[in-house]
Amino acid sequence: MVRKANPALLKPLGLSADLEAVVGKGPMARGQVVKKLWEYIKKNGLQNPQNKRNIMSDAKLKPIFGGKSEVTMFEMTKLVSAHMK
């Protein structure tokens, strides 16, 4: 059985200015946004070394993460959704 991609993940969405500052100009599909976020996180060494599931925010990520200095991967996905329309 071949799994079909979830159409919701492929639909290009508009991005907030805060999110565009990190992942680039929208509209962009949700999956692509998450991929680019991870590229940014890895490039800037923002994974918590003690707990790799936690992402530490820098000046660009803080507005996306609702002002929090550290979020979990799952929390990140939820918080990023608020910046996509």
Protein backbone atom coordinates (compact mmCIF):
# COMPACT_ATOMS: atom_id res chain seq x y z
CA MET A 1 0.00 0.00 0.00
CA VAL A 2 1.39 3.38 -1.01
CA ARG A 3 0.87 6.20 1.48
CA LYS A 4 -0.47 9.36 -0.03
CA ALA A 5 1.00 12.65 1.15
CA ASN A 6 -1.35 14.63 3.34
CA PRO A 7 -2.67 17.45 1.10
CA ALA A 8 -2.68 19.82 4.09
CA LEU A 9 1.12 19.49 4.28
CA LEU A 10 1.55 20.33 0.59
CA LYS A 11 -0.69 23.39 0.37
CA PRO A 12 1.35 26.62 0.21
CA LEU A 13 0.44 28.95 3.06
CA GLY A 14 1.20 32.60 3.72
CA LEU A 15 3.86 33.19 6.38
CA SER A 16 4.17 35.90 9.01
CA ALA A 17 7.07 38.37 8.69
CA ASP A 18 8.69 36.76 11.77
CA LEU A 19 8.60 33.31 10.17
CA GLU A 20 9.82 34.62 6.79
CA ALA A 21 12.86 36.10 8.58
CA VAL A 22 13.91 32.52 9.43
CA VAL A 23 12.73 30.32 6.52
CA GLY A 24 12.55 32.78 3.60
CA LYS A 25 9.73 34.28 1.55
CA GLY A 26 6.33 32.54 1.51
CA PRO A 27 3.91 31.18 0.51
CA MET A 28 5.37 27.82 1.47
CA ALA A 29 4.03 24.35 2.24
CA ARG A 30 3.99 23.33 5.92
CA GLY A 31 6.45 20.46 5.32
CA GLN A 32 8.89 22.81 3.60
CA VAL A 33 8.64 25.34 6.47
CA VAL A 34 9.45 22.64 9.05
CA LYS A 35 12.38 21.42 6.93
CA LYS A 36 13.81 24.94 6.62
CA LEU A 37 13.29 25.57 10.34
CA TRP A 38 15.35 22.48 11.14
CA GLU A 39 18.09 23.62 8.73
CA TYR A 40 18.19 26.96 10.59
CA ILE A 41 18.19 25.26 14.02
CA LYS A 42 21.05 22.91 13.07
CA LYS A 43 23.09 25.63 11.30
CA ASN A 44 22.89 27.86 14.38
CA GLY A 45 23.36 25.05 16.95
CA LEU A 46 20.03 25.73 18.67
CA GLN A 47 19.25 22.19 19.82
CA ASN A 48 19.70 21.81 23.57
CA PRO A 49 22.83 19.61 23.94
CA GLN A 50 21.47 17.97 27.13
CA ASN A 51 18.04 17.27 25.57
CA LYS A 52 18.06 17.17 21.76
CA ARG A 53 14.23 17.32 21.67
CA ASN A 54 14.35 20.88 22.96
CA ILE A 55 15.04 23.87 20.75
CA MET A 56 16.55 27.00 22.22
CA SER A 57 15.41 30.24 20.64
CA ASP A 58 17.59 33.05 19.38
CA ALA A 59 16.49 36.60 18.49
CA LYS A 60 14.81 35.42 15.25
CA LEU A 61 12.99 32.43 16.77
CA LYS A 62 11.80 34.08 19.98
CA PRO A 63 8.85 35.96 18.34
CA ILE A 64 7.78 32.71 16.61
CA PHE A 65 8.02 30.76 19.88
CA GLY A 66 5.78 33.24 21.69
CA GLY A 67 8.70 34.80 23.58
CA LYS A 68 9.84 31.49 25.11
CA SER A 69 13.57 30.85 25.37
CA GLU A 70 13.19 27.07 24.90
CA VAL A 71 10.46 24.84 23.43
CA THR A 72 10.03 21.13 22.65
CA MET A 73 9.90 19.91 19.04
CA PHE A 74 6.17 19.28 19.35
CA GLU A 75 5.51 22.68 20.88
CA MET A 76 7.54 24.26 18.06
CA THR A 77 5.27 22.75 15.40
CA LYS A 78 2.18 24.10 17.17
CA LEU A 79 3.67 27.56 17.68
CA VAL A 80 4.84 27.79 14.05
CA SER A 81 1.32 26.95 12.83
CA ALA A 82 0.10 30.24 14.32
CA HIS A 83 2.42 32.04 11.89
CA MET A 84 0.93 30.35 8.81
CA LYS A 85 -2.31 31.26 7.07
